[in-house]
Protein backbone atom coordinates (compact mmCIF):
# COMPACT_ATOMS: atom_id res chain seq x y z
CA UNK A 1 23.76 -37.29 -137.89
CA UNK A 2 24.99 -34.38 -135.66
CA UNK A 3 25.24 -35.13 -131.89
CA UNK A 4 24.36 -31.49 -131.27
CA UNK A 5 22.31 -29.62 -133.73
CA UNK A 6 22.66 -26.01 -134.92
CA UNK A 7 19.95 -23.38 -134.14
CA UNK A 8 19.41 -19.88 -135.12
CA UNK A 9 20.59 -17.50 -132.44
CA UNK A 10 17.96 -15.60 -130.55
CA UNK A 11 19.54 -12.34 -131.95
CA UNK A 12 18.93 -13.62 -135.45
CA UNK A 13 15.46 -14.66 -134.87
CA UNK A 14 14.43 -11.28 -133.36
CA UNK A 15 16.21 -9.15 -135.94
CA UNK A 16 14.40 -11.31 -138.71
CA UNK A 17 11.16 -10.30 -137.07
CA UNK A 18 11.96 -6.68 -136.61
CA UNK A 19 13.32 -6.39 -140.24
CA UNK A 20 9.90 -7.29 -141.67
CA UNK A 21 7.68 -5.81 -138.97
CA UNK A 22 9.19 -2.35 -138.45
CA UNK A 23 12.33 -2.14 -140.65
CA UNK A 24 15.80 -1.76 -139.57
CA UNK A 25 18.23 1.13 -139.93
CA UNK A 26 21.12 0.76 -142.30
CA UNK A 27 23.68 -0.42 -139.74
CA UNK A 28 21.18 -2.69 -138.11
CA UNK A 29 20.09 -4.26 -141.21
CA UNK A 30 23.75 -4.83 -142.29
CA UNK A 31 24.32 -6.68 -139.08
CA UNK A 32 21.18 -8.75 -139.58
CA UNK A 33 22.11 -9.63 -143.12
CA UNK A 34 25.57 -10.74 -141.97
CA UNK A 35 23.94 -12.98 -139.31
CA UNK A 36 21.71 -14.59 -141.99
CA UNK A 37 24.68 -14.95 -144.34
CA UNK A 38 26.93 -16.40 -141.60
CA UNK A 39 24.13 -18.90 -140.50
CA UNK A 40 23.53 -19.90 -144.14
CA UNK A 41 27.13 -20.77 -144.57
CA UNK A 42 27.28 -22.83 -141.37
CA UNK A 43 24.21 -24.98 -142.38
CA UNK A 44 25.82 -25.44 -145.84
CA UNK A 45 28.86 -26.92 -144.02
CA UNK A 46 26.47 -28.97 -141.84
CA UNK A 47 25.08 -30.58 -145.06
CA UNK A 48 28.55 -31.69 -145.98
CA UNK A 49 29.54 -33.12 -142.53
CA UNK A 50 26.20 -34.88 -142.30
CA UNK A 51 27.52 -37.16 -145.11
CA UNK A 52 30.43 -38.44 -143.13
CA UNK A 53 30.36 -42.24 -142.99
CA UNK A 54 33.21 -42.56 -140.42
CA UNK A 55 32.52 -43.02 -136.83
CA UNK A 56 32.79 -39.45 -135.22
CA UNK A 57 30.84 -37.12 -133.07
CA UNK A 58 29.69 -33.83 -134.78
CA UNK A 59 28.85 -30.86 -132.40
CA UNK A 60 27.41 -27.90 -134.17
CA UNK A 61 27.69 -24.43 -132.59
CA UNK A 62 29.52 -24.37 -129.25
CA UNK A 63 29.81 -21.30 -126.97
CA UNK A 64 32.26 -22.28 -124.19
CA UNK A 65 34.15 -20.54 -121.45
CA UNK A 66 37.50 -21.15 -119.81
CA UNK A 67 39.41 -18.87 -117.25
CA UNK A 68 36.67 -16.24 -117.80
CA UNK A 69 37.31 -16.08 -121.63
CA UNK A 70 34.58 -17.18 -123.96
CA UNK A 71 35.12 -18.74 -127.33
CA UNK A 72 32.92 -19.98 -130.10
CA UNK A 73 33.41 -23.03 -132.33
CA UNK A 74 31.16 -23.37 -135.45
CA UNK A 75 31.70 -27.06 -135.93
CA UNK A 76 33.52 -29.50 -133.69
CA UNK A 77 34.13 -32.99 -134.83
CA UNK A 78 35.53 -35.55 -132.39
CA UNK A 79 37.45 -38.61 -133.77
CA UNK A 80 39.43 -41.30 -132.09
CA UNK A 81 42.75 -39.51 -131.61
CA UNK A 82 42.11 -35.98 -132.40
CA UNK A 83 39.48 -33.08 -132.45
CA UNK A 84 38.79 -30.97 -135.52
CA UNK A 85 37.34 -27.48 -134.77
CA UNK A 86 36.14 -25.61 -137.84
CA UNK A 87 35.60 -21.85 -138.31
CA UNK A 88 33.25 -21.29 -141.17
CA UNK A 89 33.25 -18.18 -143.30
CA UNK A 90 30.69 -17.34 -145.94
CA UNK A 91 32.66 -14.59 -147.52
CA UNK A 92 32.13 -13.90 -151.23
CA UNK A 93 34.34 -12.02 -153.71
CA UNK A 94 37.94 -11.58 -154.55
CA UNK A 95 40.32 -11.16 -151.43
CA UNK A 96 43.99 -10.73 -150.94
CA UNK A 97 45.74 -12.40 -148.06
CA UNK A 98 47.64 -10.18 -145.68
CA UNK A 99 49.25 -11.48 -142.43
CA UNK A 100 47.05 -9.37 -140.19
CA UNK A 101 43.90 -9.17 -142.31
CA UNK A 102 42.08 -10.28 -145.48
CA UNK A 103 41.66 -7.38 -147.85
CA UNK A 104 38.77 -7.43 -150.28
CA UNK A 105 39.74 -6.07 -153.62
CA UNK A 106 36.72 -3.70 -153.51
CA UNK A 107 38.36 -2.08 -150.58
CA UNK A 108 37.00 -3.51 -147.22
CA UNK A 109 39.26 -5.12 -144.75
CA UNK A 110 38.43 -8.29 -142.67
CA UNK A 111 40.03 -9.70 -139.63
CA UNK A 112 42.33 -12.56 -140.44
CA UNK A 113 40.25 -15.59 -139.36
CA UNK A 114 43.48 -17.49 -138.51
CA UNK A 115 43.81 -15.11 -135.42
CA UNK A 116 40.31 -16.23 -134.27
CA UNK A 117 41.16 -19.89 -134.94
CA UNK A 118 44.46 -19.58 -133.02
CA UNK A 119 42.61 -18.19 -130.03
CA UNK A 120 39.97 -20.79 -130.33
CA UNK A 121 42.46 -23.63 -130.34
CA UNK A 122 44.34 -22.04 -127.40
CA UNK A 123 41.26 -21.76 -125.15
CA UNK A 124 39.92 -25.15 -126.32
CA UNK A 125 43.16 -26.87 -125.30
CA UNK A 126 42.93 -25.16 -121.91
CA UNK A 127 39.33 -26.43 -121.35
CA UNK A 128 40.08 -29.92 -122.41
CA UNK A 129 43.02 -30.13 -120.21
CA UNK A 130 40.72 -28.87 -117.26
CA UNK A 131 38.43 -31.70 -118.14
CA UNK A 132 41.22 -34.21 -118.01
CA UNK A 133 41.51 -34.71 -121.90
CA UNK A 134 44.88 -34.54 -123.67
CA UNK A 135 43.65 -34.72 -127.29
CA UNK A 136 45.40 -33.11 -130.27
CA UNK A 137 43.41 -30.22 -131.81
CA UNK A 138 43.65 -29.76 -135.68
CA UNK A 139 41.60 -26.62 -136.64
CA UNK A 140 40.81 -25.21 -140.08
CA UNK A 141 39.05 -22.21 -141.46
CA UNK A 142 36.58 -23.28 -144.07
CA UNK A 143 35.53 -20.93 -146.84
CA UNK A 144 32.14 -22.20 -147.85
CA UNK A 145 30.95 -19.82 -150.67
CA UNK A 146 31.85 -20.97 -154.18
CA UNK A 147 32.12 -17.33 -155.21
CA UNK A 148 35.03 -16.75 -152.93
CA UNK A 149 38.74 -16.34 -154.05
CA UNK A 150 41.81 -15.61 -151.81
CA UNK A 151 44.95 -14.43 -153.56
CA UNK A 152 48.45 -14.88 -152.30
CA UNK A 153 47.52 -17.13 -149.47
CA UNK A 154 50.40 -19.23 -148.16
CA UNK A 155 49.89 -22.84 -148.99
CA UNK A 156 50.71 -24.07 -145.48
CA UNK A 157 47.95 -22.13 -143.82
CA UNK A 158 44.97 -24.26 -142.41
CA UNK A 159 42.56 -22.97 -145.00
CA UNK A 160 39.87 -25.00 -146.72
CA UNK A 161 38.78 -23.35 -150.07
CA UNK A 162 35.51 -23.90 -151.76
CA UNK A 163 37.21 -26.21 -154.40
CA UNK A 164 38.71 -28.24 -151.57
CA UNK A 165 35.53 -29.10 -149.76
CA UNK A 166 34.98 -32.51 -151.20
CA UNK A 167 38.72 -33.17 -150.73
CA UNK A 168 38.13 -32.29 -147.04
CA UNK A 169 35.36 -34.69 -146.55
CA UNK A 170 37.36 -37.43 -148.11
CA UNK A 171 40.20 -36.67 -145.81
CA UNK A 172 37.97 -36.85 -142.67
CA UNK A 173 36.52 -40.03 -143.87
CA UNK A 174 40.10 -41.62 -143.60
CA UNK A 175 40.65 -40.34 -140.00
CA UNK A 176 40.89 -43.32 -137.55
CA UNK A 177 37.63 -43.54 -135.73
CA UNK A 178 37.01 -45.99 -133.01
CA UNK A 179 35.03 -44.12 -130.37
CA UNK A 180 34.65 -45.32 -126.77
CA UNK A 181 32.44 -44.12 -123.85
CA UNK A 182 35.21 -41.58 -122.88
CA UNK A 183 34.65 -39.79 -126.29
CA UNK A 184 30.89 -39.58 -125.58
CA UNK A 185 31.42 -38.44 -122.12
CA UNK A 186 33.52 -35.56 -123.54
CA UNK A 187 30.86 -34.74 -126.08
CA UNK A 188 28.15 -34.62 -123.34
CA UNK A 189 30.32 -32.46 -121.07
CA UNK A 190 30.90 -29.93 -124.01
CA UNK A 191 27.20 -29.83 -124.78
CA UNK A 192 26.43 -29.24 -121.08
CA UNK A 193 28.95 -26.40 -120.96
CA UNK A 194 27.51 -24.64 -124.05
CA UNK A 195 26.22 -21.24 -123.03
CA UNK A 196 23.20 -19.39 -124.57
CA UNK A 197 23.59 -15.64 -124.51
CA UNK A 198 20.76 -13.38 -123.95
CA UNK A 199 19.99 -11.62 -127.28
CA UNK A 200 18.36 -8.58 -125.72
CA UNK A 201 21.54 -6.66 -124.85
CA UNK A 202 22.55 -6.28 -128.49
CA UNK A 203 19.27 -5.27 -130.16
CA UNK A 204 18.11 -1.89 -131.43
CA UNK A 205 15.35 -0.30 -129.31
CA UNK A 206 11.95 -1.31 -130.31
CA UNK A 207 8.48 -1.36 -128.83
CA UNK A 208 4.92 -3.05 -129.65
CA UNK A 209 3.45 -0.22 -131.26
CA UNK A 210 6.27 0.09 -133.77
CA UNK A 211 5.47 -3.50 -135.17
CA UNK A 212 3.40 -3.88 -138.27
CA UNK A 213 0.46 -6.22 -137.43
CA UNK A 214 -0.73 -9.12 -139.53
CA UNK A 215 0.02 -12.67 -140.31
CA UNK A 216 3.02 -13.16 -142.60
CA UNK A 217 3.85 -15.95 -145.00
CA UNK A 218 5.97 -18.72 -143.28
CA UNK A 219 8.07 -18.92 -146.49
CA UNK A 220 8.54 -15.62 -147.98
CA UNK A 221 7.60 -13.31 -144.96
CA UNK A 222 5.01 -11.40 -147.10
CA UNK A 223 2.00 -9.80 -145.54
CA UNK A 224 -0.05 -10.54 -148.55
CA UNK A 225 -1.83 -13.74 -147.24
CA UNK A 226 -5.47 -14.75 -147.29
CA UNK A 227 -7.14 -16.73 -144.69
CA UNK A 228 -9.53 -19.46 -145.78
CA UNK A 229 -12.23 -20.25 -143.08
CA UNK A 230 -13.34 -23.40 -144.75
CA UNK A 231 -9.96 -24.80 -145.54
CA UNK A 232 -8.64 -23.62 -142.23
CA UNK A 233 -5.50 -22.40 -143.99
CA UNK A 234 -3.56 -19.32 -144.81
CA UNK A 235 -2.44 -18.81 -148.45
CA UNK A 236 0.29 -16.55 -149.60
CA UNK A 237 -0.69 -14.43 -152.62
CA UNK A 238 3.00 -13.85 -153.45
CA UNK A 239 4.73 -17.35 -153.34
CA UNK A 240 1.49 -19.46 -153.10
CA UNK A 241 2.79 -21.11 -149.88
CA UNK A 242 -0.09 -22.50 -147.66
CA UNK A 243 -0.03 -23.09 -143.99
CA UNK A 244 -2.55 -24.55 -141.47
CA UNK A 245 -4.31 -21.82 -139.44
CA UNK A 246 -3.16 -23.43 -136.12
CA UNK A 247 0.47 -23.41 -137.13
CA UNK A 248 0.14 -19.83 -138.33
CA UNK A 249 -1.37 -18.65 -135.10
CA UNK A 250 1.23 -20.46 -132.92
CA UNK A 251 4.05 -19.12 -135.10
CA UNK A 252 2.78 -15.51 -134.37
CA UNK A 253 2.36 -16.26 -130.75
CA UNK A 254 6.02 -17.41 -130.61
CA UNK A 255 6.99 -14.18 -132.35
CA UNK A 256 5.23 -12.18 -129.71
CA UNK A 257 7.00 -14.11 -126.89
CA UNK A 258 10.28 -13.82 -128.38
CA UNK A 259 10.09 -10.02 -128.96
CA UNK A 260 8.27 -9.27 -125.70
CA UNK A 261 9.07 -11.91 -123.15
CA UNK A 262 7.40 -10.21 -120.38
CA UNK A 263 4.05 -9.62 -122.11
CA UNK A 264 1.02 -11.73 -121.21
CA UNK A 265 -0.40 -13.77 -124.18
CA UNK A 266 -4.09 -13.12 -124.40
CA UNK A 267 -6.64 -13.80 -127.03
CA UNK A 268 -7.13 -10.07 -127.68
CA UNK A 269 -3.38 -9.59 -127.96
CA UNK A 270 -2.98 -12.37 -130.61
CA UNK A 271 -6.02 -11.06 -132.34
CA UNK A 272 -4.56 -7.59 -132.71
CA UNK A 273 -1.16 -8.82 -133.53
CA UNK A 274 -2.75 -10.93 -136.54
CA UNK A 275 -4.59 -7.72 -137.54
CA UNK A 276 -7.97 -9.29 -137.01
CA UNK A 277 -7.43 -11.79 -139.86
CA UNK A 278 -8.53 -14.61 -137.66
CA UNK A 279 -11.56 -14.73 -135.46
CA UNK A 280 -10.99 -14.55 -131.63
CA UNK A 281 -12.90 -17.66 -131.18
CA UNK A 282 -10.38 -19.54 -133.44
CA UNK A 283 -7.34 -17.99 -131.71
CA UNK A 284 -8.77 -18.86 -128.26
CA UNK A 285 -9.43 -22.55 -129.44
CA UNK A 286 -5.73 -23.03 -130.38
CA UNK A 287 -4.29 -21.08 -127.38
CA UNK A 288 -6.33 -23.49 -124.96
CA UNK A 289 -5.07 -26.33 -127.12
CA UNK A 290 -1.43 -25.50 -126.99
CA UNK A 291 -0.85 -23.45 -123.77
CA UNK A 292 -1.85 -23.49 -120.17
CA UNK A 293 -4.51 -20.98 -119.36
CA UNK A 294 -4.13 -18.86 -116.24
CA UNK A 295 -7.02 -16.71 -114.71
CA UNK A 296 -10.67 -16.49 -115.70
CA UNK A 297 -12.79 -14.86 -118.43
CA UNK A 298 -11.48 -11.65 -119.74
CA UNK A 299 -8.42 -11.96 -117.39
CA UNK A 300 -7.32 -15.13 -119.00
CA UNK A 301 -3.70 -15.28 -120.35
CA UNK A 302 -1.67 -18.24 -121.63
CA UNK A 303 1.83 -19.54 -120.86
């Protein structure tokens, strides 16, 4: 089990909502889909590392800083005598290795992830030394997508290809692993140093009126949902997913809060956001149950 779990970034969560409620321009949608794809690849690697039986500490998704330089590590595994940082890539298709880049045969160039790994290892080493730790760092770039092929890659590079994933897990199982309190203190320190960047500086402009109103399906994001008063559930007409009405209301409240952190959550606001599908009385009931109410009568809002 991971010592630090992975979560979607605020940027990804917001772009996901904007994509379904107002649509994104081509470049913005491309960025959004790349974030979705990257997160999917990282969680696929998480599923593999979760199976490790050896004693180790798994830290997923670290954003750290040393000497005013920030660096991100997708997965960090702490063993007895070494630390393994992994850069996970969810590329698909046929690529050719070049010293300064990876060239997709279809024509697009990608930065060589070894450059990013090299920078990460250098900065990570500095940070560890500042914390009083002198532990070897053995980083790798993991290509998680089974439809990825890299031609002309030197065999001595720290690449892990899709066909080598099981071999990697077996290798990690054999790493000496006798952890002490010092290892866990390091893990706790790294988690405490993890930074969460504000997503709002990198988003396209948007406002409340641009957003399509209505309750969406929790599974397929469709707006084609039906509310059953008797069953107290929302049913999706597309994928047949069903969700309790309380869960659906709270999910939509969190959407509003994420998109508009300064807006006051009121019964009327949530009613409008849900396009009048759910009665105000029902919305008010669950707002009072799950949030703190401020103010009186028509001036009441929830935090």
